[in-house]
Amino acid sequence: MNSGWLKVFIAAFFEVFWVIGLKHADDFWTWSGTIISIIISFYILIMAGKKLPVGTVYAVFVGLGTAGVVISEILFFGEPFKIEKILFILLLLAGVIGLKLVTKDNVEEGAES
């Protein structure tokens, strides 16, 4: 895995924090953390998009973020566990992995996708 894909995974990790923050932030510090997570997430995503195809980067970012948010809501915030949710998250992750596998890692900077 090259550094571009590592950046996508890190950006998706921070996406989970800011999406949860949008729902649960209720004071200055939690809103500050949410805003900082948004800035970090999008900055890293933009850096990844400079080396990899933007459409694939965005699809992987959103897919991983969605899976992370759903799993976090179940584990930490009392969202009901439903097998259907897990199956659809697995389907989503299969699509994300498929996109990653069919995308060339050696895209040159500035090359058109």
PDB file of N, CA and C in Angstrom:
ATOM      1  N   MET A   1       0.857  -1.176   0.000  1.00  0.00           N
ATOM      2  CA  MET A   1       0.000   0.000   0.000  1.00  0.00           C
ATOM      3  C   MET A   1       0.903   1.240   0.000  1.00  0.00           C
ATOM      4  N   ASN A   2       0.623   2.151  -0.907  1.00  0.00           N
ATOM      5  CA  ASN A   2       1.460   3.343  -0.962  1.00  0.00           C
ATOM      6  C   ASN A   2       0.933   4.422  -0.024  1.00  0.00           C
ATOM      7  N   SER A   3       1.667   5.515   0.068  1.00  0.00           N
ATOM      8  CA  SER A   3       1.307   6.569   1.017  1.00  0.00           C
ATOM      9  C   SER A   3      -0.011   7.256   0.664  1.00  0.00           C
ATOM     10  N   GLY A   4      -0.378   7.273  -0.613  1.00  0.00           N
ATOM     11  CA  GLY A   4      -1.655   7.864  -1.007  1.00  0.00           C
ATOM     12  C   GLY A   4      -2.831   7.137  -0.379  1.00  0.00           C
ATOM     13  N   TRP A   5      -2.804   5.813  -0.417  1.00  0.00           N
ATOM     14  CA  TRP A   5      -3.902   5.046   0.179  1.00  0.00           C
ATOM     15  C   TRP A   5      -3.875   5.136   1.695  1.00  0.00           C
ATOM     16  N   LEU A   6      -2.703   5.201   2.275  1.00  0.00           N
ATOM     17  CA  LEU A   6      -2.608   5.386   3.724  1.00  0.00           C
ATOM     18  C   LEU A   6      -3.268   6.704   4.123  1.00  0.00           C
ATOM     19  N   LYS A   7      -3.075   7.744   3.327  1.00  0.00           N
ATOM     20  CA  LYS A   7      -3.717   9.035   3.593  1.00  0.00           C
ATOM     21  C   LYS A   7      -5.234   8.925   3.518  1.00  0.00           C
ATOM     22  N   VAL A   8      -5.743   8.153   2.576  1.00  0.00           N
ATOM     23  CA  VAL A   8      -7.193   7.968   2.471  1.00  0.00           C
ATOM     24  C   VAL A   8      -7.727   7.301   3.735  1.00  0.00           C
ATOM     25  N   PHE A   9      -7.042   6.276   4.228  1.00  0.00           N
ATOM     26  CA  PHE A   9      -7.488   5.590   5.438  1.00  0.00           C
ATOM     27  C   PHE A   9      -7.435   6.510   6.655  1.00  0.00           C
ATOM     28  N   ILE A  10      -6.398   7.318   6.759  1.00  0.00           N
ATOM     29  CA  ILE A  10      -6.295   8.266   7.879  1.00  0.00           C
ATOM     30  C   ILE A  10      -7.400   9.320   7.776  1.00  0.00           C
ATOM     31  N   ALA A  11      -7.651   9.820   6.576  1.00  0.00           N
ATOM     32  CA  ALA A  11      -8.726  10.807   6.377  1.00  0.00           C
ATOM     33  C   ALA A  11     -10.077  10.214   6.767  1.00  0.00           C
ATOM     34  N   ALA A  12     -10.326   8.956   6.407  1.00  0.00           N
ATOM     35  CA  ALA A  12     -11.585   8.305   6.763  1.00  0.00           C
ATOM     36  C   ALA A  12     -11.696   8.118   8.276  1.00  0.00           C
ATOM     37  N   PHE A  13     -10.572   7.842   8.930  1.00  0.00           N
ATOM     38  CA  PHE A  13     -10.546   7.714  10.387  1.00  0.00           C
ATOM     39  C   PHE A  13     -11.012   9.017  11.039  1.00  0.00           C
ATOM     40  N   PHE A  14     -10.486  10.144  10.565  1.00  0.00           N
ATOM     41  CA  PHE A  14     -10.900  11.437  11.101  1.00  0.00           C
ATOM     42  C   PHE A  14     -12.339  11.780  10.698  1.00  0.00           C
ATOM     43  N   GLU A  15     -12.786  11.266   9.558  1.00  0.00           N
ATOM     44  CA  GLU A  15     -14.169  11.494   9.146  1.00  0.00           C
ATOM     45  C   GLU A  15     -15.138  10.923  10.168  1.00  0.00           C
ATOM     46  N   VAL A  16     -14.816   9.761  10.702  1.00  0.00           N
ATOM     47  CA  VAL A  16     -15.681   9.150  11.706  1.00  0.00           C
ATOM     48  C   VAL A  16     -15.860  10.098  12.894  1.00  0.00           C
ATOM     49  N   PHE A  17     -14.765  10.726  13.334  1.00  0.00           N
ATOM     50  CA  PHE A  17     -14.846  11.646  14.476  1.00  0.00           C
ATOM     51  C   PHE A  17     -15.707  12.865  14.174  1.00  0.00           C
ATOM     52  N   TRP A  18     -15.523  13.452  12.979  1.00  0.00           N
ATOM     53  CA  TRP A  18     -16.303  14.673  12.738  1.00  0.00           C
ATOM     54  C   TRP A  18     -17.768  14.387  12.463  1.00  0.00           C
ATOM     55  N   VAL A  19     -18.069  13.249  11.857  1.00  0.00           N
ATOM     56  CA  VAL A  19     -19.482  12.922  11.630  1.00  0.00           C
ATOM     57  C   VAL A  19     -20.176  12.661  12.971  1.00  0.00           C
ATOM     58  N   ILE A  20     -19.533  11.919  13.855  1.00  0.00           N
ATOM     59  CA  ILE A  20     -20.096  11.697  15.185  1.00  0.00           C
ATOM     60  C   ILE A  20     -20.196  13.023  15.930  1.00  0.00           C
ATOM     61  N   GLY A  21     -19.185  13.888  15.769  1.00  0.00           N
ATOM     62  CA  GLY A  21     -19.208  15.193  16.408  1.00  0.00           C
ATOM     63  C   GLY A  21     -20.373  16.047  15.948  1.00  0.00           C
ATOM     64  N   LEU A  22     -20.750  15.952  14.690  1.00  0.00           N
ATOM     65  CA  LEU A  22     -21.892  16.731  14.196  1.00  0.00           C
ATOM     66  C   LEU A  22     -23.172  16.371  14.943  1.00  0.00           C
ATOM     67  N   LYS A  23     -23.287  15.130  15.351  1.00  0.00           N
ATOM     68  CA  LYS A  23     -24.483  14.694  16.071  1.00  0.00           C
ATOM     69  C   LYS A  23     -24.380  14.947  17.577  1.00  0.00           C
ATOM     70  N   HIS A  24     -23.202  14.729  18.151  1.00  0.00           N
ATOM     71  CA  HIS A  24     -23.090  14.696  19.605  1.00  0.00           C
ATOM     72  C   HIS A  24     -22.409  15.914  20.229  1.00  0.00           C
ATOM     73  N   ALA A  25     -21.829  16.802  19.455  1.00  0.00           N
ATOM     74  CA  ALA A  25     -21.146  17.967  20.028  1.00  0.00           C
ATOM     75  C   ALA A  25     -22.163  18.906  20.673  1.00  0.00           C
ATOM     76  N   ASP A  26     -21.839  19.362  21.879  1.00  0.00           N
ATOM     77  CA  ASP A  26     -22.781  20.236  22.571  1.00  0.00           C
ATOM     78  C   ASP A  26     -22.108  21.338  23.387  1.00  0.00           C
ATOM     79  N   ASP A  27     -20.796  21.481  23.277  1.00  0.00           N
ATOM     80  CA  ASP A  27     -20.118  22.576  23.963  1.00  0.00           C
ATOM     81  C   ASP A  27     -18.923  23.029  23.121  1.00  0.00           C
ATOM     82  N   PHE A  28     -18.217  24.020  23.598  1.00  0.00           N
ATOM     83  CA  PHE A  28     -17.099  24.596  22.840  1.00  0.00           C
ATOM     84  C   PHE A  28     -16.043  23.550  22.489  1.00  0.00           C
ATOM     85  N   TRP A  29     -15.669  22.716  23.450  1.00  0.00           N
ATOM     86  CA  TRP A  29     -14.568  21.760  23.227  1.00  0.00           C
ATOM     87  C   TRP A  29     -14.950  20.661  22.252  1.00  0.00           C
ATOM     88  N   THR A  30     -16.160  20.150  22.350  1.00  0.00           N
ATOM     89  CA  THR A  30     -16.547  19.094  21.413  1.00  0.00           C
ATOM     90  C   THR A  30     -16.736  19.652  20.007  1.00  0.00           C
ATOM     91  N   TRP A  31     -17.262  20.898  19.904  1.00  0.00           N
ATOM     92  CA  TRP A  31     -17.360  21.521  18.584  1.00  0.00           C
ATOM     93  C   TRP A  31     -15.982  21.836  18.028  1.00  0.00           C
ATOM     94  N   SER A  32     -15.057  22.236  18.891  1.00  0.00           N
ATOM     95  CA  SER A  32     -13.683  22.498  18.437  1.00  0.00           C
ATOM     96  C   SER A  32     -13.045  21.227  17.888  1.00  0.00           C
ATOM     97  N   GLY A  33     -13.228  20.122  18.604  1.00  0.00           N
ATOM     98  CA  GLY A  33     -12.703  18.841  18.131  1.00  0.00           C
ATOM     99  C   GLY A  33     -13.321  18.423  16.808  1.00  0.00           C
ATOM    100  N   THR A  34     -14.605  18.680  16.652  1.00  0.00           N
ATOM    101  CA  THR A  34     -15.295  18.357  15.402  1.00  0.00           C
ATOM    102  C   THR A  34     -14.716  19.171  14.253  1.00  0.00           C
ATOM    103  N   ILE A  35     -14.539  20.455  14.454  1.00  0.00           N
ATOM    104  CA  ILE A  35     -13.994  21.330  13.402  1.00  0.00           C
ATOM    105  C   ILE A  35     -12.564  20.946  13.051  1.00  0.00           C
ATOM    106  N   ILE A  36     -11.756  20.646  14.070  1.00  0.00           N
ATOM    107  CA  ILE A  36     -10.374  20.220  13.817  1.00  0.00           C
ATOM    108  C   ILE A  36     -10.358  18.909  13.032  1.00  0.00           C
ATOM    109  N   SER A  37     -11.252  17.987  13.367  1.00  0.00           N
ATOM    110  CA  SER A  37     -11.327  16.715  12.637  1.00  0.00           C
ATOM    111  C   SER A  37     -11.732  16.929  11.184  1.00  0.00           C
ATOM    112  N   ILE A  38     -12.642  17.868  10.931  1.00  0.00           N
ATOM    113  CA  ILE A  38     -13.036  18.188   9.557  1.00  0.00           C
ATOM    114  C   ILE A  38     -11.836  18.711   8.777  1.00  0.00           C
ATOM    115  N   ILE A  39     -11.104  19.633   9.376  1.00  0.00           N
ATOM    116  CA  ILE A  39      -9.949  20.230   8.699  1.00  0.00           C
ATOM    117  C   ILE A  39      -8.894  19.173   8.393  1.00  0.00           C
ATOM    118  N   ILE A  40      -8.559  18.358   9.389  1.00  0.00           N
ATOM    119  CA  ILE A  40      -7.547  17.309   9.178  1.00  0.00           C
ATOM    120  C   ILE A  40      -8.015  16.316   8.116  1.00  0.00           C
ATOM    121  N   SER A  41      -9.263  15.867   8.232  1.00  0.00           N
ATOM    122  CA  SER A  41      -9.801  14.879   7.312  1.00  0.00           C
ATOM    123  C   SER A  41      -9.733  15.363   5.867  1.00  0.00           C
ATOM    124  N   PHE A  42     -10.229  16.576   5.618  1.00  0.00           N
ATOM    125  CA  PHE A  42     -10.254  17.067   4.248  1.00  0.00           C
ATOM    126  C   PHE A  42      -8.870  17.446   3.731  1.00  0.00           C
ATOM    127  N   TYR A  43      -8.003  17.930   4.591  1.00  0.00           N
ATOM    128  CA  TYR A  43      -6.639  18.240   4.156  1.00  0.00           C
ATOM    129  C   TYR A  43      -5.936  16.963   3.690  1.00  0.00           C
ATOM    130  N   ILE A  44      -6.029  15.910   4.491  1.00  0.00           N
ATOM    131  CA  ILE A  44      -5.385  14.640   4.121  1.00  0.00           C
ATOM    132  C   ILE A  44      -6.035  14.048   2.875  1.00  0.00           C
ATOM    133  N   LEU A  45      -7.362  14.177   2.759  1.00  0.00           N
ATOM    134  CA  LEU A  45      -8.063  13.680   1.573  1.00  0.00           C
ATOM    135  C   LEU A  45      -7.588  14.420   0.317  1.00  0.00           C
ATOM    136  N   ILE A  46      -7.433  15.728   0.410  1.00  0.00           N
ATOM    137  CA  ILE A  46      -6.951  16.513  -0.729  1.00  0.00           C
ATOM    138  C   ILE A  46      -5.537  16.090  -1.112  1.00  0.00           C
ATOM    139  N   MET A  47      -4.694  15.847  -0.129  1.00  0.00           N
ATOM    140  CA  MET A  47      -3.322  15.396  -0.412  1.00  0.00           C
ATOM    141  C   MET A  47      -3.339  14.032  -1.110  1.00  0.00           C
ATOM    142  N   ALA A  48      -4.209  13.139  -0.691  1.00  0.00           N
ATOM    143  CA  ALA A  48      -4.318  11.826  -1.339  1.00  0.00           C
ATOM    144  C   ALA A  48      -4.819  11.973  -2.765  1.00  0.00           C
ATOM    145  N   GLY A  49      -5.748  12.906  -2.988  1.00  0.00           N
ATOM    146  CA  GLY A  49      -6.310  13.124  -4.318  1.00  0.00           C
ATOM    147  C   GLY A  49      -5.319  13.668  -5.319  1.00  0.00           C
ATOM    148  N   LYS A  50      -4.209  14.203  -4.836  1.00  0.00           N
ATOM    149  CA  LYS A  50      -3.174  14.698  -5.753  1.00  0.00           C
ATOM    150  C   LYS A  50      -2.365  13.566  -6.372  1.00  0.00           C
ATOM    151  N   LYS A  51      -2.368  12.405  -5.730  1.00  0.00           N
ATOM    152  CA  LYS A  51      -1.572  11.275  -6.219  1.00  0.00           C
ATOM    153  C   LYS A  51      -2.414  10.133  -6.786  1.00  0.00           C
ATOM    154  N   LEU A  52      -3.699  10.093  -6.432  1.00  0.00           N
ATOM    155  CA  LEU A  52      -4.572   8.995  -6.832  1.00  0.00           C
ATOM    156  C   LEU A  52      -5.803   9.545  -7.545  1.00  0.00           C
ATOM    157  N   PRO A  53      -6.523   8.721  -8.278  1.00  0.00           N
ATOM    158  CA  PRO A  53      -7.741   9.174  -8.956  1.00  0.00           C
ATOM    159  C   PRO A  53      -8.776   9.667  -7.946  1.00  0.00           C
ATOM    160  N   VAL A  54      -9.243  10.885  -8.144  1.00  0.00           N
ATOM    161  CA  VAL A  54     -10.105  11.549  -7.166  1.00  0.00           C
ATOM    162  C   VAL A  54     -11.417  10.791  -6.952  1.00  0.00           C
ATOM    163  N   GLY A  55     -12.028  10.293  -8.005  1.00  0.00           N
ATOM    164  CA  GLY A  55     -13.293   9.578  -7.855  1.00  0.00           C
ATOM    165  C   GLY A  55     -13.156   8.347  -6.981  1.00  0.00           C
ATOM    166  N   THR A  56     -12.110   7.590  -7.194  1.00  0.00           N
ATOM    167  CA  THR A  56     -11.879   6.394  -6.388  1.00  0.00           C
ATOM    168  C   THR A  56     -11.527   6.772  -4.960  1.00  0.00           C
ATOM    169  N   VAL A  57     -10.698   7.793  -4.797  1.00  0.00           N
ATOM    170  CA  VAL A  57     -10.317   8.257  -3.460  1.00  0.00           C
ATOM    171  C   VAL A  57     -11.567   8.647  -2.676  1.00  0.00           C
ATOM    172  N   TYR A  58     -12.433   9.411  -3.303  1.00  0.00           N
ATOM    173  CA  TYR A  58     -13.632   9.875  -2.606  1.00  0.00           C
ATOM    174  C   TYR A  58     -14.559   8.710  -2.258  1.00  0.00           C
ATOM    175  N   ALA A  59     -14.739   7.778  -3.183  1.00  0.00           N
ATOM    176  CA  ALA A  59     -15.609   6.628  -2.928  1.00  0.00           C
ATOM    177  C   ALA A  59     -15.075   5.785  -1.765  1.00  0.00           C
ATOM    178  N   VAL A  60     -13.772   5.561  -1.730  1.00  0.00           N
ATOM    179  CA  VAL A  60     -13.168   4.785  -0.646  1.00  0.00           C
ATOM    180  C   VAL A  60     -13.301   5.553   0.672  1.00  0.00           C
ATOM    181  N   PHE A  61     -13.034   6.843   0.645  1.00  0.00           N
ATOM    182  CA  PHE A  61     -13.143   7.703   1.826  1.00  0.00           C
ATOM    183  C   PHE A  61     -14.546   7.641   2.420  1.00  0.00           C
ATOM    184  N   VAL A  62     -15.552   7.830   1.588  1.00  0.00           N
ATOM    185  CA  VAL A  62     -16.935   7.840   2.066  1.00  0.00           C
ATOM    186  C   VAL A  62     -17.352   6.446   2.544  1.00  0.00           C
ATOM    187  N   GLY A  63     -16.955   5.421   1.820  1.00  0.00           N
ATOM    188  CA  GLY A  63     -17.315   4.056   2.221  1.00  0.00           C
ATOM    189  C   GLY A  63     -16.718   3.674   3.558  1.00  0.00           C
ATOM    190  N   LEU A  64     -15.433   3.951   3.738  1.00  0.00           N
ATOM    191  CA  LEU A  64     -14.791   3.633   5.017  1.00  0.00           C
ATOM    192  C   LEU A  64     -15.366   4.485   6.146  1.00  0.00           C
ATOM    193  N   GLY A  65     -15.608   5.750   5.860  1.00  0.00           N
ATOM    194  CA  GLY A  65     -16.193   6.627   6.874  1.00  0.00           C
ATOM    195  C   GLY A  65     -17.579   6.168   7.291  1.00  0.00           C
ATOM    196  N   THR A  66     -18.388   5.789   6.318  1.00  0.00           N
ATOM    197  CA  THR A  66     -19.742   5.308   6.610  1.00  0.00           C
ATOM    198  C   THR A  66     -19.697   4.056   7.476  1.00  0.00           C
ATOM    199  N   ALA A  67     -18.845   3.115   7.097  1.00  0.00           N
ATOM    200  CA  ALA A  67     -18.718   1.886   7.886  1.00  0.00           C
ATOM    201  C   ALA A  67     -18.251   2.212   9.304  1.00  0.00           C
ATOM    202  N   GLY A  68     -17.273   3.090   9.428  1.00  0.00           N
ATOM    203  CA  GLY A  68     -16.758   3.462  10.740  1.00  0.00           C
ATOM    204  C   GLY A  68     -17.804   4.133  11.613  1.00  0.00           C
ATOM    205  N   VAL A  69     -18.611   5.005  11.019  1.00  0.00           N
ATOM    206  CA  VAL A  69     -19.653   5.699  11.788  1.00  0.00           C
ATOM    207  C   VAL A  69     -20.721   4.715  12.257  1.00  0.00           C
ATOM    208  N   VAL A  70     -21.173   3.849  11.373  1.00  0.00           N
ATOM    209  CA  VAL A  70     -22.207   2.879  11.754  1.00  0.00           C
ATOM    210  C   VAL A  70     -21.703   1.965  12.868  1.00  0.00           C
ATOM    211  N   ILE A  71     -20.495   1.464  12.731  1.00  0.00           N
ATOM    212  CA  ILE A  71     -19.931   0.575  13.752  1.00  0.00           C
ATOM    213  C   ILE A  71     -19.723   1.322  15.068  1.00  0.00           C
ATOM    214  N   SER A  72     -19.248   2.556  15.005  1.00  0.00           N
ATOM    215  CA  SER A  72     -19.059   3.365  16.222  1.00  0.00           C
ATOM    216  C   SER A  72     -20.385   3.641  16.920  1.00  0.00           C
ATOM    217  N   GLU A  73     -21.401   3.952  16.152  1.00  0.00           N
ATOM    218  CA  GLU A  73     -22.725   4.209  16.740  1.00  0.00           C
ATOM    219  C   GLU A  73     -23.244   2.960  17.461  1.00  0.00           C
ATOM    220  N   ILE A  74     -23.005   1.793  16.886  1.00  0.00           N
ATOM    221  CA  ILE A  74     -23.446   0.545  17.531  1.00  0.00           C
ATOM    222  C   ILE A  74     -22.632   0.291  18.800  1.00  0.00           C
ATOM    223  N   LEU A  75     -21.314   0.446  18.711  1.00  0.00           N
ATOM    224  CA  LEU A  75     -20.445   0.108  19.836  1.00  0.00           C
ATOM    225  C   LEU A  75     -20.496   1.121  20.974  1.00  0.00           C
ATOM    226  N   PHE A  76     -20.591   2.405  20.655  1.00  0.00           N
ATOM    227  CA  PHE A  76     -20.412   3.430  21.681  1.00  0.00           C
ATOM    228  C   PHE A  76     -21.664   4.250  22.018  1.00  0.00           C
ATOM    229  N   PHE A  77     -22.668   4.243  21.165  1.00  0.00           N
ATOM    230  CA  PHE A  77     -23.793   5.147  21.371  1.00  0.00           C
ATOM    231  C   PHE A  77     -25.151   4.455  21.426  1.00  0.00           C
ATOM    232  N   GLY A  78     -25.158   3.151  21.591  1.00  0.00           N
ATOM    233  CA  GLY A  78     -26.402   2.442  21.820  1.00  0.00           C
ATOM    234  C   GLY A  78     -27.310   2.253  20.622  1.00  0.00           C
ATOM    235  N   GLU A  79     -26.779   2.459  19.424  1.00  0.00           N
ATOM    236  CA  GLU A  79     -27.568   2.188  18.218  1.00  0.00           C
ATOM    237  C   GLU A  79     -27.862   0.682  18.182  1.00  0.00           C
ATOM    238  N   PRO A  80     -29.098   0.306  17.872  1.00  0.00           N
ATOM    239  CA  PRO A  80     -29.430  -1.127  17.868  1.00  0.00           C
ATOM    240  C   PRO A  80     -28.598  -1.906  16.837  1.00  0.00           C
ATOM    241  N   PHE A  81     -28.137  -3.066  17.244  1.00  0.00           N
ATOM    242  CA  PHE A  81     -27.404  -3.962  16.346  1.00  0.00           C
ATOM    243  C   PHE A  81     -28.418  -4.710  15.500  1.00  0.00           C
ATOM    244  N   LYS A  82     -28.263  -4.601  14.191  1.00  0.00           N
ATOM    245  CA  LYS A  82     -29.112  -5.345  13.266  1.00  0.00           C
ATOM    246  C   LYS A  82     -28.202  -6.043  12.264  1.00  0.00           C
ATOM    247  N   ILE A  83     -28.440  -7.306  12.071  1.00  0.00           N
ATOM    248  CA  ILE A  83     -27.608  -8.084  11.152  1.00  0.00           C
ATOM    249  C   ILE A  83     -27.673  -7.506   9.745  1.00  0.00           C
ATOM    250  N   GLU A  84     -28.821  -6.933   9.379  1.00  0.00           N
ATOM    251  CA  GLU A  84     -28.948  -6.348   8.044  1.00  0.00           C
ATOM    252  C   GLU A  84     -27.960  -5.195   7.858  1.00  0.00           C
ATOM    253  N   LYS A  85     -27.790  -4.375   8.892  1.00  0.00           N
ATOM    254  CA  LYS A  85     -26.832  -3.268   8.815  1.00  0.00           C
ATOM    255  C   LYS A  85     -25.423  -3.796   8.580  1.00  0.00           C
ATOM    256  N   ILE A  86     -25.062  -4.817   9.319  1.00  0.00           N
ATOM    257  CA  ILE A  86     -23.715  -5.381   9.198  1.00  0.00           C
ATOM    258  C   ILE A  86     -23.508  -5.978   7.813  1.00  0.00           C
ATOM    259  N   LEU A  87     -24.518  -6.661   7.294  1.00  0.00           N
ATOM    260  CA  LEU A  87     -24.396  -7.241   5.954  1.00  0.00           C
ATOM    261  C   LEU A  87     -24.224  -6.155   4.889  1.00  0.00           C
ATOM    262  N   PHE A  88     -24.972  -5.070   5.007  1.00  0.00           N
ATOM    263  CA  PHE A  88     -24.832  -3.985   4.035  1.00  0.00           C
ATOM    264  C   PHE A  88     -23.503  -3.255   4.191  1.00  0.00           C
ATOM    265  N   ILE A  89     -23.005  -3.121   5.411  1.00  0.00           N
ATOM    266  CA  ILE A  89     -21.680  -2.529   5.624  1.00  0.00           C
ATOM    267  C   ILE A  89     -20.620  -3.428   4.989  1.00  0.00           C
ATOM    268  N   LEU A  90     -20.748  -4.738   5.153  1.00  0.00           N
ATOM    269  CA  LEU A  90     -19.803  -5.662   4.516  1.00  0.00           C
ATOM    270  C   LEU A  90     -19.867  -5.563   2.995  1.00  0.00           C
ATOM    271  N   LEU A  91     -21.064  -5.402   2.457  1.00  0.00           N
ATOM    272  CA  LEU A  91     -21.222  -5.222   1.013  1.00  0.00           C
ATOM    273  C   LEU A  91     -20.548  -3.923   0.566  1.00  0.00           C
ATOM    274  N   LEU A  92     -20.752  -2.863   1.340  1.00  0.00           N
ATOM    275  CA  LEU A  92     -20.113  -1.583   1.051  1.00  0.00           C
ATOM    276  C   LEU A  92     -18.585  -1.714   1.089  1.00  0.00           C
ATOM    277  N   LEU A  93     -18.074  -2.378   2.114  1.00  0.00           N
ATOM    278  CA  LEU A  93     -16.627  -2.564   2.223  1.00  0.00           C
ATOM    279  C   LEU A  93     -16.081  -3.435   1.098  1.00  0.00           C
ATOM    280  N   ALA A  94     -16.851  -4.410   0.636  1.00  0.00           N
ATOM    281  CA  ALA A  94     -16.416  -5.224  -0.502  1.00  0.00           C
ATOM    282  C   ALA A  94     -16.273  -4.340  -1.741  1.00  0.00           C
ATOM    283  N   GLY A  95     -17.209  -3.416  -1.936  1.00  0.00           N
ATOM    284  CA  GLY A  95     -17.098  -2.479  -3.056  1.00  0.00           C
ATOM    285  C   GLY A  95     -15.900  -1.563  -2.924  1.00  0.00           C
ATOM    286  N   VAL A  96     -15.639  -1.080  -1.716  1.00  0.00           N
ATOM    287  CA  VAL A  96     -14.482  -0.216  -1.468  1.00  0.00           C
ATOM    288  C   VAL A  96     -13.188  -0.967  -1.746  1.00  0.00           C
ATOM    289  N   ILE A  97     -13.096  -2.189  -1.252  1.00  0.00           N
ATOM    290  CA  ILE A  97     -11.898  -3.000  -1.498  1.00  0.00           C
ATOM    291  C   ILE A  97     -11.749  -3.286  -2.983  1.00  0.00           C
ATOM    292  N   GLY A  98     -12.859  -3.572  -3.657  1.00  0.00           N
ATOM    293  CA  GLY A  98     -12.816  -3.798  -5.103  1.00  0.00           C
ATOM    294  C   GLY A  98     -12.308  -2.575  -5.848  1.00  0.00           C
ATOM    295  N   LEU A  99     -12.786  -1.389  -5.486  1.00  0.00           N
ATOM    296  CA  LEU A  99     -12.283  -0.157  -6.121  1.00  0.00           C
ATOM    297  C   LEU A  99     -10.793   0.014  -5.891  1.00  0.00           C
ATOM    298  N   LYS A 100     -10.367  -0.256  -4.683  1.00  0.00           N
ATOM    299  CA  LYS A 100      -8.943  -0.119  -4.348  1.00  0.00           C
ATOM    300  C   LYS A 100      -8.112  -1.102  -5.182  1.00  0.00           C
ATOM    301  N   LEU A 101      -8.602  -2.315  -5.339  1.00  0.00           N
ATOM    302  CA  LEU A 101      -7.842  -3.335  -6.064  1.00  0.00           C
ATOM    303  C   LEU A 101      -7.726  -3.052  -7.555  1.00  0.00           C
ATOM    304  N   VAL A 102      -8.736  -2.423  -8.163  1.00  0.00           N
ATOM    305  CA  VAL A 102      -8.691  -2.185  -9.597  1.00  0.00           C
ATOM    306  C   VAL A 102      -8.104  -0.822  -9.959  1.00  0.00           C
ATOM    307  N   THR A 103      -7.693  -0.041  -8.962  1.00  0.00           N
ATOM    308  CA  THR A 103      -7.110   1.278  -9.216  1.00  0.00           C
ATOM    309  C   THR A 103      -5.591   1.177  -9.169  1.00  0.00           C
ATOM    310  N   LYS A 104      -4.957   1.741 -10.180  1.00  0.00           N
ATOM    311  CA  LYS A 104      -3.497   1.739 -10.223  1.00  0.00           C
ATOM    312  C   LYS A 104      -2.948   2.602  -9.098  1.00  0.00           C
ATOM    313  N   ASP A 105      -1.922   2.100  -8.418  1.00  0.00           N
ATOM    314  CA  ASP A 105      -1.283   2.854  -7.333  1.00  0.00           C
ATOM    315  C   ASP A 105      -0.251   3.840  -7.843  1.00  0.00           C
ATOM    316  N   ASN A 106       0.202   3.662  -9.059  1.00  0.00           N
ATOM    317  CA  ASN A 106       1.314   4.481  -9.553  1.00  0.00           C
ATOM    318  C   ASN A 106       0.852   5.604 -10.471  1.00  0.00           C
ATOM    319  N   VAL A 107      -0.248   6.233 -10.142  1.00  0.00           N
ATOM    320  CA  VAL A 107      -0.732   7.382 -10.910  1.00  0.00           C
ATOM    321  C   VAL A 107       0.209   8.548 -10.679  1.00  0.00           C
ATOM    322  N   GLU A 108       0.651   9.180 -11.757  1.00  0.00           N
ATOM    323  CA  GLU A 108       1.580  10.289 -11.610  1.00  0.00           C
ATOM    324  C   GLU A 108       0.857  11.550 -11.209  1.00  0.00           C
ATOM    325  N   GLU A 109       1.565  12.402 -10.472  1.00  0.00           N
ATOM    326  CA  GLU A 109       0.991  13.651 -10.028  1.00  0.00           C
ATOM    327  C   GLU A 109       0.616  14.503 -11.237  1.00  0.00           C
ATOM    328  N   GLY A 110      -0.597  15.013 -11.220  1.00  0.00           N
ATOM    329  CA  GLY A 110      -1.068  15.864 -12.310  1.00  0.00           C
ATOM    330  C   GLY A 110      -1.648  15.091 -13.468  1.00  0.00           C
ATOM    331  N   ALA A 111      -1.576  13.748 -13.439  1.00  0.00           N
ATOM    332  CA  ALA A 111      -2.124  12.958 -14.533  1.00  0.00           C
ATOM    333  C   ALA A 111      -3.643  12.974 -14.457  1.00  0.00           C
ATOM    334  N   GLU A 112      -4.262  12.956 -15.611  1.00  0.00           N
ATOM    335  CA  GLU A 112      -5.726  12.957 -15.642  1.00  0.00           C
ATOM    336  C   GLU A 112      -6.241  11.563 -15.374  1.00  0.00           C
ATOM    337  N   SER A 113      -7.370  11.488 -14.678  1.00  0.00           N
ATOM    338  CA  SER A 113      -7.950  10.201 -14.312  1.00  0.00           C
ATOM    339  C   SER A 113      -8.989   9.789 -15.314  1.00  0.00           C
TER     340      SER A 113
END
